[in-house]
C-alpha atoms as a PDB file:
ATOM      1  CA  MET A   1     -12.948 -53.208 -76.476  1.00  0.00           C
ATOM      2  CA  LYS A   2     -16.170 -51.525 -74.853  1.00  0.00           C
ATOM      3  CA  GLY A   3     -15.314 -53.190 -71.582  1.00  0.00           C
ATOM      4  CA  LYS A   4     -11.949 -51.448 -71.579  1.00  0.00           C
ATOM      5  CA  THR A   5     -13.412 -48.223 -72.599  1.00  0.00           C
ATOM      6  CA  VAL A   6     -15.704 -48.287 -69.647  1.00  0.00           C
ATOM      7  CA  LYS A   7     -12.857 -48.812 -67.090  1.00  0.00           C
ATOM      8  CA  ILE A   8     -10.849 -45.792 -68.709  1.00  0.00           C
ATOM      9  CA  VAL A   9     -13.851 -43.632 -68.224  1.00  0.00           C
ATOM     10  CA  ARG A  10     -14.458 -44.469 -64.628  1.00  0.00           C
ATOM     11  CA  ARG A  11     -10.837 -43.938 -63.632  1.00  0.00           C
ATOM     12  CA  ARG A  12     -10.980 -40.470 -65.206  1.00  0.00           C
ATOM     13  CA  ARG A  13     -14.104 -39.729 -62.975  1.00  0.00           C
ATOM     14  CA  VAL A  14     -12.710 -41.165 -59.719  1.00  0.00           C
ATOM     15  CA  LEU A  15      -9.399 -39.220 -59.901  1.00  0.00           C
ATOM     16  CA  PRO A  16     -10.864 -35.567 -59.835  1.00  0.00           C
ATOM     17  CA  LEU A  17     -13.156 -36.683 -56.990  1.00  0.00           C
ATOM     18  CA  VAL A  18     -10.194 -37.734 -54.873  1.00  0.00           C
ATOM     19  CA  LEU A  19      -8.315 -34.462 -55.656  1.00  0.00           C
ATOM     20  CA  LEU A  20     -11.579 -32.537 -54.566  1.00  0.00           C
ATOM     21  CA  VAL A  21     -11.855 -34.582 -51.217  1.00  0.00           C
ATOM     22  CA  GLY A  22      -8.134 -34.109 -50.432  1.00  0.00           C
ATOM     23  CA  LEU A  23      -8.391 -30.122 -51.109  1.00  0.00           C
ATOM     24  CA  ALA A  24     -11.436 -30.021 -48.836  1.00  0.00           C
ATOM     25  CA  PHE A  25      -9.643 -31.818 -46.073  1.00  0.00           C
ATOM     26  CA  VAL A  26      -6.658 -29.440 -46.377  1.00  0.00           C
ATOM     27  CA  SER A  27      -8.929 -26.412 -46.354  1.00  0.00           C
ATOM     28  CA  VAL A  28     -10.599 -27.380 -43.073  1.00  0.00           C
ATOM     29  CA  LEU A  29      -7.162 -27.981 -41.375  1.00  0.00           C
ATOM     30  CA  ALA A  30      -5.994 -24.690 -42.673  1.00  0.00           C
ATOM     31  CA  THR A  31      -9.244 -22.970 -41.259  1.00  0.00           C
ATOM     32  CA  GLU A  32      -8.932 -24.523 -38.019  1.00  0.00           C
ATOM     33  CA  PHE A  33      -5.369 -23.689 -37.576  1.00  0.00           C
ATOM     34  CA  PHE A  34      -6.159 -19.909 -38.538  1.00  0.00           C
ATOM     35  CA  VAL A  35      -8.994 -19.805 -35.964  1.00  0.00           C
ATOM     36  CA  ALA A  36      -6.809 -21.272 -33.196  1.00  0.00           C
ATOM     37  CA  SER A  37      -4.185 -18.774 -34.155  1.00  0.00           C
ATOM     38  CA  ILE A  38      -6.669 -15.942 -33.712  1.00  0.00           C
ATOM     39  CA  VAL A  39      -7.890 -17.407 -30.172  1.00  0.00           C
ATOM     40  CA  MET A  40      -4.472 -17.695 -29.034  1.00  0.00           C
ATOM     41  CA  ASN A  41      -3.585 -14.136 -30.053  1.00  0.00           C
ATOM     42  CA  MET A  42      -6.581 -12.828 -28.374  1.00  0.00           C
ATOM     43  CA  GLN A  43      -5.777 -14.716 -24.995  1.00  0.00           C
ATOM     44  CA  LYS A  44      -2.280 -13.375 -25.319  1.00  0.00           C
ATOM     45  CA  ASN A  45      -3.478  -9.794 -25.684  1.00  0.00           C
ATOM     46  CA  ASP A  46      -5.950 -10.251 -22.725  1.00  0.00           C
ATOM     47  CA  ASN A  47      -3.119 -11.663 -20.505  1.00  0.00           C
ATOM     48  CA  LEU A  48      -0.785  -8.749 -21.393  1.00  0.00           C
ATOM     49  CA  ALA A  49      -3.578  -6.242 -20.723  1.00  0.00           C
ATOM     50  CA  GLU A  50      -4.056  -7.754 -17.272  1.00  0.00           C
ATOM     51  CA  THR A  51      -0.308  -7.523 -16.658  1.00  0.00           C
ATOM     52  CA  GLU A  52       0.079  -4.159 -17.653  1.00  0.00           C
ATOM     53  CA  ALA A  53      -2.891  -3.063 -15.648  1.00  0.00           C
ATOM     54  CA  PHE A  54      -1.368  -4.877 -12.605  1.00  0.00           C
ATOM     55  CA  LEU A  55       1.891  -3.030 -13.131  1.00  0.00           C
ATOM     56  CA  GLU A  56       0.282   0.294 -13.807  1.00  0.00           C
ATOM     57  CA  VAL A  57       1.862   3.362 -12.338  1.00  0.00           C
ATOM     58  CA  PRO A  58       0.400   6.716 -12.574  1.00  0.00           C
ATOM     59  CA  GLU A  59       1.406   8.623 -15.549  1.00  0.00           C
ATOM     60  CA  ASP A  60       2.454  11.698 -13.949  1.00  0.00           C
ATOM     61  CA  VAL A  61       4.976   9.669 -11.960  1.00  0.00           C
ATOM     62  CA  LEU A  62       6.608   7.334 -14.634  1.00  0.00           C
ATOM     63  CA  PRO A  63       8.424   9.817 -16.747  1.00  0.00           C
ATOM     64  CA  SER A  64      10.347  11.282 -13.776  1.00  0.00           C
ATOM     65  CA  ILE A  65      11.325   8.115 -11.804  1.00  0.00           C
ATOM     66  CA  ASN A  66      15.077   8.051 -11.484  1.00  0.00           C
ATOM     67  CA  MET A  67      16.462   4.840 -13.151  1.00  0.00           C
ATOM     68  CA  SER A  68      19.847   3.156 -13.372  1.00  0.00           C
ATOM     69  CA  PHE A  69      21.041   0.296 -15.515  1.00  0.00           C
ATOM     70  CA  LYS A  70      21.641  -3.264 -14.218  1.00  0.00           C
ATOM     71  CA  LYS A  71      23.022  -6.131 -16.018  1.00  0.00           C
ATOM     72  CA  VAL A  72      20.776  -9.271 -15.984  1.00  0.00           C
ATOM     73  CA  THR A  73      21.562 -12.610 -17.538  1.00  0.00           C
ATOM     74  CA  ASP A  74      18.907 -14.077 -19.778  1.00  0.00           C
ATOM     75  CA  GLY A  75      19.718 -17.379 -21.411  1.00  0.00           C
ATOM     76  CA  GLY A  76      23.344 -16.689 -21.123  1.00  0.00           C
ATOM     77  CA  GLU A  77      23.072 -13.108 -22.717  1.00  0.00           C
ATOM     78  CA  ASN A  78      23.700 -10.163 -20.736  1.00  0.00           C
ATOM     79  CA  ILE A  79      20.944  -7.518 -21.028  1.00  0.00           C
ATOM     80  CA  ASP A  80      20.659  -3.890 -19.842  1.00  0.00           C
ATOM     81  CA  VAL A  81      17.606  -3.589 -17.656  1.00  0.00           C
ATOM     82  CA  GLU A  82      16.432  -0.298 -15.984  1.00  0.00           C
ATOM     83  CA  VAL A  83      15.489  -0.559 -12.499  1.00  0.00           C
ATOM     84  CA  PRO A  84      14.832   2.372  -9.807  1.00  0.00           C
ATOM     85  CA  GLU A  85      17.503   3.258  -7.411  1.00  0.00           C
ATOM     86  CA  LYS A  86      16.457   1.939  -4.026  1.00  0.00           C
ATOM     87  CA  HIS A  87      16.887   4.056  -1.142  1.00  0.00           C
ATOM     88  CA  GLY A  88      14.634   2.572   1.651  1.00  0.00           C
ATOM     89  CA  ILE A  89      11.024   2.242   2.972  1.00  0.00           C
ATOM     90  CA  ILE A  90       8.600   4.936   3.983  1.00  0.00           C
ATOM     91  CA  TYR A  91       5.861   4.226   6.573  1.00  0.00           C
ATOM     92  CA  LEU A  92       3.275   6.998   6.083  1.00  0.00           C
ATOM     93  CA  THR A  93       1.235   7.121   9.651  1.00  0.00           C
ATOM     94  CA  PHE A  94      -1.709   9.356  10.352  1.00  0.00           C
ATOM     95  CA  ASP A  95      -2.923  10.014  13.863  1.00  0.00           C
ATOM     96  CA  ASP A  96      -6.281  11.427  15.477  1.00  0.00           C
ATOM     97  CA  GLY A  97      -8.729  10.063  12.888  1.00  0.00           C
ATOM     98  CA  PRO A  98     -11.072   9.150  11.295  1.00  0.00           C
ATOM     99  CA  GLY A  99     -11.652  12.696  10.565  1.00  0.00           C
ATOM    100  CA  PRO A 100     -13.409  14.808   7.735  1.00  0.00           C
ATOM    101  CA  TYR A 101     -10.493  14.485   5.266  1.00  0.00           C
ATOM    102  CA  THR A 102      -9.845  10.651   5.807  1.00  0.00           C
ATOM    103  CA  ASN A 103     -11.854   9.646   2.661  1.00  0.00           C
ATOM    104  CA  ILE A 104      -9.873  12.255   0.629  1.00  0.00           C
ATOM    105  CA  LEU A 105      -6.624  10.825   1.827  1.00  0.00           C
ATOM    106  CA  LEU A 106      -7.739   7.113   1.267  1.00  0.00           C
ATOM    107  CA  ASP A 107      -8.590   8.026  -2.504  1.00  0.00           C
ATOM    108  CA  ILE A 108      -4.927   9.412  -2.860  1.00  0.00           C
ATOM    109  CA  LEU A 109      -3.386   6.395  -1.252  1.00  0.00           C
ATOM    110  CA  LYS A 110      -5.775   4.135  -3.390  1.00  0.00           C
ATOM    111  CA  HIS A 111      -4.736   5.844  -6.526  1.00  0.00           C
ATOM    112  CA  TYR A 112      -1.098   5.250  -6.108  1.00  0.00           C
ATOM    113  CA  GLY A 113      -1.418   1.982  -4.638  1.00  0.00           C
ATOM    114  CA  VAL A 114       0.308   2.976  -1.257  1.00  0.00           C
ATOM    115  CA  ARG A 115      -0.866   1.535   2.129  1.00  0.00           C
ATOM    116  CA  ALA A 116      -0.579   3.484   5.380  1.00  0.00           C
ATOM    117  CA  THR A 117      -0.949   2.954   9.105  1.00  0.00           C
ATOM    118  CA  PHE A 118      -3.800   4.804  11.009  1.00  0.00           C
ATOM    119  CA  PHE A 119      -3.369   5.407  14.814  1.00  0.00           C
ATOM    120  CA  VAL A 120      -7.083   5.951  15.244  1.00  0.00           C
ATOM    121  CA  THR A 121      -9.259   7.407  18.079  1.00  0.00           C
ATOM    122  CA  GLY A 122     -12.902   7.163  18.986  1.00  0.00           C
ATOM    123  CA  SER A 123     -13.838   9.978  16.587  1.00  0.00           C
ATOM    124  CA  GLY A 124     -15.091   9.932  13.181  1.00  0.00           C
ATOM    125  CA  ASP A 125     -17.519   7.376  11.322  1.00  0.00           C
ATOM    126  CA  ASP A 126     -17.144   3.808  11.712  1.00  0.00           C
ATOM    127  CA  ALA A 127     -17.591   3.454   7.999  1.00  0.00           C
ATOM    128  CA  VAL A 128     -14.397   5.453   7.354  1.00  0.00           C
ATOM    129  CA  LEU A 129     -12.506   3.276   9.826  1.00  0.00           C
ATOM    130  CA  LEU A 130     -14.094   0.025   8.183  1.00  0.00           C
ATOM    131  CA  ARG A 131     -12.806   1.357   4.771  1.00  0.00           C
ATOM    132  CA  GLU A 132      -9.186   1.941   6.020  1.00  0.00           C
ATOM    133  CA  TYR A 133      -9.068  -1.727   7.078  1.00  0.00           C
ATOM    134  CA  GLU A 134     -10.926  -3.075   4.132  1.00  0.00           C
ATOM    135  CA  GLU A 135      -8.540  -1.298   1.706  1.00  0.00           C
ATOM    136  CA  GLY A 136      -5.481  -2.877   3.398  1.00  0.00           C
ATOM    137  CA  HIS A 137      -4.179  -0.206   5.714  1.00  0.00           C
ATOM    138  CA  ALA A 138      -2.707  -1.092   9.072  1.00  0.00           C
ATOM    139  CA  ILE A 139      -4.865   0.075  12.127  1.00  0.00           C
ATOM    140  CA  GLY A 140      -3.201   1.080  15.424  1.00  0.00           C
ATOM    141  CA  LEU A 141      -4.616   2.582  18.625  1.00  0.00           C
ATOM    142  CA  HIS A 142      -4.283   6.139  19.673  1.00  0.00           C
ATOM    143  CA  THR A 143      -6.494   6.147  22.798  1.00  0.00           C
ATOM    144  CA  PHE A 144     -10.279   6.585  22.701  1.00  0.00           C
ATOM    145  CA  SER A 145     -10.594  10.080  24.059  1.00  0.00           C
ATOM    146  CA  HIS A 146      -7.145  11.553  23.200  1.00  0.00           C
ATOM    147  CA  GLN A 147      -7.654  13.654  26.368  1.00  0.00           C
ATOM    148  CA  TYR A 148      -4.235  14.340  27.873  1.00  0.00           C
ATOM    149  CA  SER A 149      -5.580  15.424  31.247  1.00  0.00           C
ATOM    150  CA  TYR A 150      -7.421  12.345  31.614  1.00  0.00           C
ATOM    151  CA  ILE A 151      -5.173   9.443  30.056  1.00  0.00           C
ATOM    152  CA  TYR A 152      -2.058  10.748  31.721  1.00  0.00           C
ATOM    153  CA  ARG A 153      -3.640  11.160  35.076  1.00  0.00           C
ATOM    154  CA  ASN A 154      -2.747   7.507  35.925  1.00  0.00           C
ATOM    155  CA  VAL A 155      -2.014   4.179  34.379  1.00  0.00           C
ATOM    156  CA  ASP A 156      -5.476   2.937  35.007  1.00  0.00           C
ATOM    157  CA  ASN A 157      -7.096   5.856  32.994  1.00  0.00           C
ATOM    158  CA  PHE A 158      -4.865   5.367  30.033  1.00  0.00           C
ATOM    159  CA  ILE A 159      -5.161   1.518  29.792  1.00  0.00           C
ATOM    160  CA  ASN A 160      -9.017   1.803  30.024  1.00  0.00           C
ATOM    161  CA  ASP A 161      -9.038   4.533  27.315  1.00  0.00           C
ATOM    162  CA  LEU A 162      -6.693   2.338  25.218  1.00  0.00           C
ATOM    163  CA  VAL A 163      -8.856  -0.834  25.543  1.00  0.00           C
ATOM    164  CA  LYS A 164     -11.914   1.208  24.668  1.00  0.00           C
ATOM    165  CA  VAL A 165     -10.530   2.169  21.197  1.00  0.00           C
ATOM    166  CA  GLN A 166      -9.152  -1.420  20.830  1.00  0.00           C
ATOM    167  CA  GLU A 167     -12.807  -2.630  21.404  1.00  0.00           C
ATOM    168  CA  ARG A 168     -13.934  -0.087  18.829  1.00  0.00           C
ATOM    169  CA  VAL A 169     -11.660  -1.405  16.272  1.00  0.00           C
ATOM    170  CA  LYS A 170     -12.670  -4.795  16.917  1.00  0.00           C
ATOM    171  CA  ARG A 171     -16.168  -4.146  16.595  1.00  0.00           C
ATOM    172  CA  VAL A 172     -15.913  -2.411  13.272  1.00  0.00           C
ATOM    173  CA  THR A 173     -13.186  -4.594  11.649  1.00  0.00           C
ATOM    174  CA  GLY A 174     -13.649  -8.038  13.350  1.00  0.00           C
ATOM    175  CA  GLN A 175      -9.949  -7.760  14.289  1.00  0.00           C
ATOM    176  CA  THR A 176      -7.922  -7.154  17.496  1.00  0.00           C
ATOM    177  CA  THR A 177      -5.074  -4.954  16.965  1.00  0.00           C
ATOM    178  CA  MET A 178      -2.057  -4.473  19.327  1.00  0.00           C
ATOM    179  CA  LEU A 179      -0.426  -1.687  17.609  1.00  0.00           C
ATOM    180  CA  MET A 180      -0.352   1.755  19.203  1.00  0.00           C
ATOM    181  CA  ARG A 181       0.965   4.997  19.656  1.00  0.00           C
ATOM    182  CA  PHE A 182       1.025   7.160  22.728  1.00  0.00           C
ATOM    183  CA  PRO A 183      -0.676  10.775  22.107  1.00  0.00           C
ATOM    184  CA  GLY A 184       2.341  13.085  22.138  1.00  0.00           C
ATOM    185  CA  GLY A 185       4.729  10.161  21.662  1.00  0.00           C
ATOM    186  CA  SER A 186       6.608   8.179  24.379  1.00  0.00           C
ATOM    187  CA  SER A 187       8.903  10.951  24.870  1.00  0.00           C
ATOM    188  CA  ASN A 188       6.412  13.629  25.735  1.00  0.00           C
ATOM    189  CA  THR A 189       6.697  15.648  28.750  1.00  0.00           C
ATOM    190  CA  ILE A 190       3.255  17.270  28.773  1.00  0.00           C
ATOM    191  CA  SER A 191       2.285  14.358  30.777  1.00  0.00           C
ATOM    192  CA  THR A 192       4.036  15.765  33.618  1.00  0.00           C
ATOM    193  CA  ARG A 193       1.056  18.352  34.086  1.00  0.00           C
ATOM    194  CA  TYR A 194      -1.228  15.667  35.141  1.00  0.00           C
ATOM    195  CA  ASP A 195       0.504  12.747  36.571  1.00  0.00           C
ATOM    196  CA  GLY A 196       1.606  14.359  39.959  1.00  0.00           C
ATOM    197  CA  GLY A 197       5.262  13.672  39.417  1.00  0.00           C
ATOM    198  CA  LYS A 198       4.790   9.874  39.096  1.00  0.00           C
ATOM    199  CA  ARG A 199       6.887   9.321  35.961  1.00  0.00           C
ATOM    200  CA  ILE A 200       3.709   8.065  34.283  1.00  0.00           C
ATOM    201  CA  MET A 201       5.408   7.472  30.652  1.00  0.00           C
ATOM    202  CA  SER A 202       8.107   5.298  32.200  1.00  0.00           C
ATOM    203  CA  ARG A 203       5.371   3.314  33.937  1.00  0.00           C
ATOM    204  CA  LEU A 204       3.130   3.301  30.938  1.00  0.00           C
ATOM    205  CA  VAL A 205       5.686   2.047  28.579  1.00  0.00           C
ATOM    206  CA  ASP A 206       6.303  -1.015  30.819  1.00  0.00           C
ATOM    207  CA  GLU A 207       2.681  -1.509  31.257  1.00  0.00           C
ATOM    208  CA  VAL A 208       1.543  -1.458  27.616  1.00  0.00           C
ATOM    209  CA  GLU A 209       4.794  -3.815  26.662  1.00  0.00           C
ATOM    210  CA  LYS A 210       3.856  -6.320  29.509  1.00  0.00           C
ATOM    211  CA  ARG A 211       0.317  -6.499  28.089  1.00  0.00           C
ATOM    212  CA  GLY A 212       1.482  -7.183  24.664  1.00  0.00           C
ATOM    213  CA  PHE A 213       1.187  -4.018  22.790  1.00  0.00           C
ATOM    214  CA  VAL A 214       3.549  -2.804  20.352  1.00  0.00           C
ATOM    215  CA  TYR A 215       4.061   1.094  20.514  1.00  0.00           C
ATOM    216  CA  PHE A 216       5.662   3.368  17.687  1.00  0.00           C
ATOM    217  CA  ASP A 217       7.003   6.596  17.707  1.00  0.00           C
ATOM    218  CA  TRP A 218       8.410   8.332  14.408  1.00  0.00           C
ATOM    219  CA  ASN A 219      11.747   9.708  13.073  1.00  0.00           C
ATOM    220  CA  ILE A 220      10.252  12.226  10.674  1.00  0.00           C
ATOM    221  CA  VAL A 221       7.994  15.096  11.844  1.00  0.00           C
ATOM    222  CA  SER A 222       5.863  16.615   9.276  1.00  0.00           C
ATOM    223  CA  GLY A 223       5.221  19.761  11.365  1.00  0.00           C
ATOM    224  CA  ASP A 224       1.223  19.521  11.021  1.00  0.00           C
ATOM    225  CA  ALA A 225       0.960  19.025  14.783  1.00  0.00           C
ATOM    226  CA  GLY A 226       1.388  23.093  15.418  1.00  0.00           C
ATOM    227  CA  GLU A 227       4.611  23.994  13.658  1.00  0.00           C
ATOM    228  CA  THR A 228       2.927  25.014  10.344  1.00  0.00           C
ATOM    229  CA  THR A 229      -0.493  25.015   8.597  1.00  0.00           C
ATOM    230  CA  LYS A 230       1.082  25.210   5.071  1.00  0.00           C
ATOM    231  CA  THR A 231       0.919  22.127   2.647  1.00  0.00           C
ATOM    232  CA  GLU A 232       4.228  22.947   0.992  1.00  0.00           C
ATOM    233  CA  GLU A 233       6.008  23.161   4.457  1.00  0.00           C
ATOM    234  CA  VAL A 234       4.632  19.680   5.468  1.00  0.00           C
ATOM    235  CA  TYR A 235       6.026  18.319   2.094  1.00  0.00           C
ATOM    236  CA  THR A 236       9.434  19.691   2.462  1.00  0.00           C
ATOM    237  CA  ASN A 237       9.548  19.018   6.231  1.00  0.00           C
ATOM    238  CA  VAL A 238       9.048  15.249   5.124  1.00  0.00           C
ATOM    239  CA  VAL A 239      11.120  14.836   1.988  1.00  0.00           C
ATOM    240  CA  ASN A 240      14.145  16.785   3.163  1.00  0.00           C
ATOM    241  CA  LYS A 241      14.684  14.465   6.150  1.00  0.00           C
ATOM    242  CA  LEU A 242      14.744  11.385   3.635  1.00  0.00           C
ATOM    243  CA  GLY A 243      17.865   9.496   3.158  1.00  0.00           C
ATOM    244  CA  ASP A 244      18.835   5.737   2.793  1.00  0.00           C
ATOM    245  CA  GLY A 245      17.032   3.816   5.533  1.00  0.00           C
ATOM    246  CA  GLU A 246      13.531   3.397   6.923  1.00  0.00           C
ATOM    247  CA  TYR A 247      11.368   6.233   7.877  1.00  0.00           C
ATOM    248  CA  ILE A 248       8.210   6.367   9.914  1.00  0.00           C
ATOM    249  CA  VAL A 249       6.320   9.683   8.868  1.00  0.00           C
ATOM    250  CA  LEU A 250       4.084  11.493  11.578  1.00  0.00           C
ATOM    251  CA  GLN A 251       1.056  13.270  10.005  1.00  0.00           C
ATOM    252  CA  HIS A 252      -2.598  13.854  11.033  1.00  0.00           C
ATOM    253  CA  ASP A 253      -5.438  12.875   8.725  1.00  0.00           C
ATOM    254  CA  VAL A 254      -7.525  15.510  10.561  1.00  0.00           C
ATOM    255  CA  LYS A 255      -5.497  18.395   9.069  1.00  0.00           C
ATOM    256  CA  ASP A 256      -6.584  19.124   5.614  1.00  0.00           C
ATOM    257  CA  PHE A 257      -3.377  20.977   4.671  1.00  0.00           C
ATOM    258  CA  SER A 258      -1.440  17.857   5.711  1.00  0.00           C
ATOM    259  CA  VAL A 259      -3.594  15.498   3.699  1.00  0.00           C
ATOM    260  CA  ALA A 260      -2.981  17.785   0.674  1.00  0.00           C
ATOM    261  CA  ALA A 261       0.796  17.299   1.048  1.00  0.00           C
ATOM    262  CA  VAL A 262       0.464  13.412   0.731  1.00  0.00           C
ATOM    263  CA  GLU A 263       0.296  13.213  -2.934  1.00  0.00           C
ATOM    264  CA  LYS A 264       3.512  15.029  -3.569  1.00  0.00           C
ATOM    265  CA  ILE A 265       5.255  13.024  -0.866  1.00  0.00           C
ATOM    266  CA  ILE A 266       4.242   9.766  -2.524  1.00  0.00           C
ATOM    267  CA  GLN A 267       5.485  11.111  -5.880  1.00  0.00           C
ATOM    268  CA  TYR A 268       8.651  12.072  -4.362  1.00  0.00           C
ATOM    269  CA  GLY A 269       9.069   8.606  -2.882  1.00  0.00           C
ATOM    270  CA  TYR A 270       8.360   6.885  -6.032  1.00  0.00           C
ATOM    271  CA  GLU A 271      10.796   9.265  -8.078  1.00  0.00           C
ATOM    272  CA  HIS A 272      13.580   8.397  -5.649  1.00  0.00           C
ATOM    273  CA  GLY A 273      13.083   4.739  -5.353  1.00  0.00           C
ATOM    274  CA  TYR A 274      11.414   4.476  -1.971  1.00  0.00           C
ATOM    275  CA  ASP A 275       8.921   1.693  -1.050  1.00  0.00           C
ATOM    276  CA  PHE A 276       6.012   2.294   0.991  1.00  0.00           C
ATOM    277  CA  ALA A 277       4.710  -0.151   3.705  1.00  0.00           C
ATOM    278  CA  THR A 278       2.397  -0.439   6.584  1.00  0.00           C
ATOM    279  CA  LEU A 279       3.775  -0.973  10.143  1.00  0.00           C
ATOM    280  CA  ASN A 280       3.273  -4.419  11.939  1.00  0.00           C
ATOM    281  CA  ALA A 281       4.519  -5.950  15.173  1.00  0.00           C
ATOM    282  CA  GLU A 282       8.036  -6.851  13.508  1.00  0.00           C
ATOM    283  CA  SER A 283       8.524  -3.685  11.610  1.00  0.00           C
ATOM    284  CA  PHE A 284      11.329  -1.133  12.097  1.00  0.00           C
ATOM    285  CA  ASN A 285      10.590   1.046  15.151  1.00  0.00           C
ATOM    286  CA  ALA A 286      11.775   4.625  16.011  1.00  0.00           C
ATOM    287  CA  HIS A 287      11.392   4.597  19.648  1.00  0.00           C
ATOM    288  CA  HIS A 288      11.949   7.818  21.519  1.00  0.00           C
ATOM    289  CA  GLY A 289      13.884   8.183  24.719  1.00  0.00           C
ATOM    290  CA  VAL A 290      11.199   8.320  27.705  1.00  0.00           C
ATOM    291  CA  ASN A 291      11.763  11.692  29.395  1.00  0.00           C
ATOM    292  CA  ASN A 292       9.188  11.191  32.158  1.00  0.00           C
END
């Protein structure tokens, strides 16, 4: 009888121990699952924050963006998704710099995530030119001296001046650019004052293209080259000419009143569904008729 009694007592002691071990194991599993869930949620939130930061648009622009509804199929289910109405592309271009207001302009462009094209001369600080390049803007050539009486005297003067500013850009940025813009545009007639009746613009267009340069004119004039000195007029001159299509806008970053209009121009572009882009060798081009 004593032997049987001892065996019964031992079984009663072992059973609670097994239960305790089992509960402890379940507790550990639950804790690990809880911790893993927290880590996953933290990672998900971090990824979401990064996505939101990447897609961030200035708050003063977002509320007024014109939107339309588009049907999108997601797993066989149609969903109404808001998308901006697209109208075209705006190429903001700035001549004659770098100048005293270029850094202000670069701050505005950076804030809105817009990249522009700068047709530079021999003026201004190399540090500003380097900043243009490093922040993703396109760099083009606008002759080194920008002196009409010299560059439009003959073909050699123009090419020498063009190559001189090209060498400056390469020295500062390490890159050789073949983009360019004629001072006054390819259609200018002021060159007739200096070329001795030799139709220099026709000769220059042929010469630069033969050398591999790609020249750009424009199809929207901001008016900052002499027509106005008022910021609001620069703004209206630009946006009133926009429609459906691609637009190369002529401005000058050496004019403070013109730089002051850029923020509103960008806001208008965002609000009306335009994309902003830099020029390159394959871009849309608004060549003028050569008049000399």
